[in-house]
């Protein structure tokens, strides 16, 4: 999938655990883990907003796009 999730890098930079983030944004650890590993098929804007608020970042800091081989961006 050309969308990559950089949540792990942000958590490390902020010295925050996945469990702590899950508690702060009121999501289950399992759901935050699915997002972190890039296995999520969608994300609610309210969830993205909560993550940005808690990590003091922008949506582009969390999500990135890389064209797959043979595609043009």
Protein backbone atom coordinates (compact mmCIF):
# COMPACT_ATOMS: atom_id res chain seq x y z
CA UNK A 1 0.00 0.00 0.00
CA UNK A 2 1.45 3.38 -0.96
CA UNK A 3 0.22 5.05 2.27
CA UNK A 4 2.71 4.60 5.09
CA UNK A 5 2.10 5.37 8.74
CA UNK A 6 4.95 7.03 10.64
CA UNK A 7 3.31 6.84 14.07
CA UNK A 8 6.09 4.70 15.54
CA UNK A 9 8.72 7.33 14.72
CA UNK A 10 6.63 10.09 16.30
CA UNK A 11 5.99 8.07 19.44
CA UNK A 12 9.71 7.40 19.78
CA UNK A 13 10.56 11.08 19.26
CA UNK A 14 7.98 12.12 21.88
CA UNK A 15 9.08 9.35 24.28
CA UNK A 16 5.50 8.11 24.49
CA UNK A 17 4.31 4.53 24.54
CA UNK A 18 1.54 3.19 22.36
CA UNK A 19 -0.43 2.41 25.52
CA UNK A 20 -0.12 6.00 26.72
CA UNK A 21 -1.27 7.36 23.36
CA UNK A 22 -4.22 4.95 23.29
CA UNK A 23 -5.31 6.15 26.74
CA UNK A 24 -4.93 9.81 25.83
CA UNK A 25 -7.00 9.53 22.63
CA UNK A 26 -9.52 7.12 24.14
CA UNK A 27 -8.98 4.24 21.70
CA UNK A 28 -8.20 0.62 22.45
CA UNK A 29 -4.58 -0.42 22.33
CA UNK A 30 -5.51 -2.95 19.63
CA UNK A 31 -6.95 -0.25 17.35
CA UNK A 32 -3.97 2.06 17.80
CA UNK A 33 -1.66 -0.87 17.12
CA UNK A 34 -3.52 -1.65 13.87
CA UNK A 35 -3.02 1.96 12.82
CA UNK A 36 0.66 1.97 13.83
CA UNK A 37 1.45 -1.15 11.82
CA UNK A 38 -0.23 0.23 8.70
CA UNK A 39 -2.94 -2.45 8.68
CA UNK A 40 -5.80 0.04 9.08
CA UNK A 41 -8.01 0.54 6.04
CA UNK A 42 -9.30 3.94 7.21
CA UNK A 43 -8.90 6.54 9.93
CA UNK A 44 -11.53 8.94 11.25
CA UNK A 45 -10.68 12.61 11.15
CA UNK A 46 -11.56 12.79 14.85
CA UNK A 47 -8.94 10.11 15.57
CA UNK A 48 -6.36 11.87 13.40
CA UNK A 49 -7.14 15.14 15.17
CA UNK A 50 -6.71 13.51 18.60
CA UNK A 51 -3.37 11.97 17.61
CA UNK A 52 -2.14 15.31 16.24
CA UNK A 53 -3.25 17.07 19.44
CA UNK A 54 -1.47 14.59 21.71
CA UNK A 55 1.71 14.34 19.64
CA UNK A 56 1.77 18.04 18.72
CA UNK A 57 2.11 17.31 15.03
CA UNK A 58 0.41 17.68 11.65
CA UNK A 59 -1.41 14.90 9.73
CA UNK A 60 1.46 14.83 7.22
CA UNK A 61 3.82 13.95 10.07
CA UNK A 62 1.81 10.77 10.65
CA UNK A 63 0.87 9.72 7.11
CA UNK A 64 3.01 9.60 4.00
CA UNK A 65 2.51 8.57 0.39
CA UNK A 66 4.94 6.67 -1.81
CA UNK A 67 4.00 5.74 -5.35
CA UNK A 68 4.29 2.04 -6.08
CA UNK A 69 6.59 0.85 -8.86
CA UNK A 70 5.29 1.83 -12.27
CA UNK A 71 3.05 4.60 -10.93
CA UNK A 72 3.61 8.30 -11.25
CA UNK A 73 2.80 10.64 -8.40
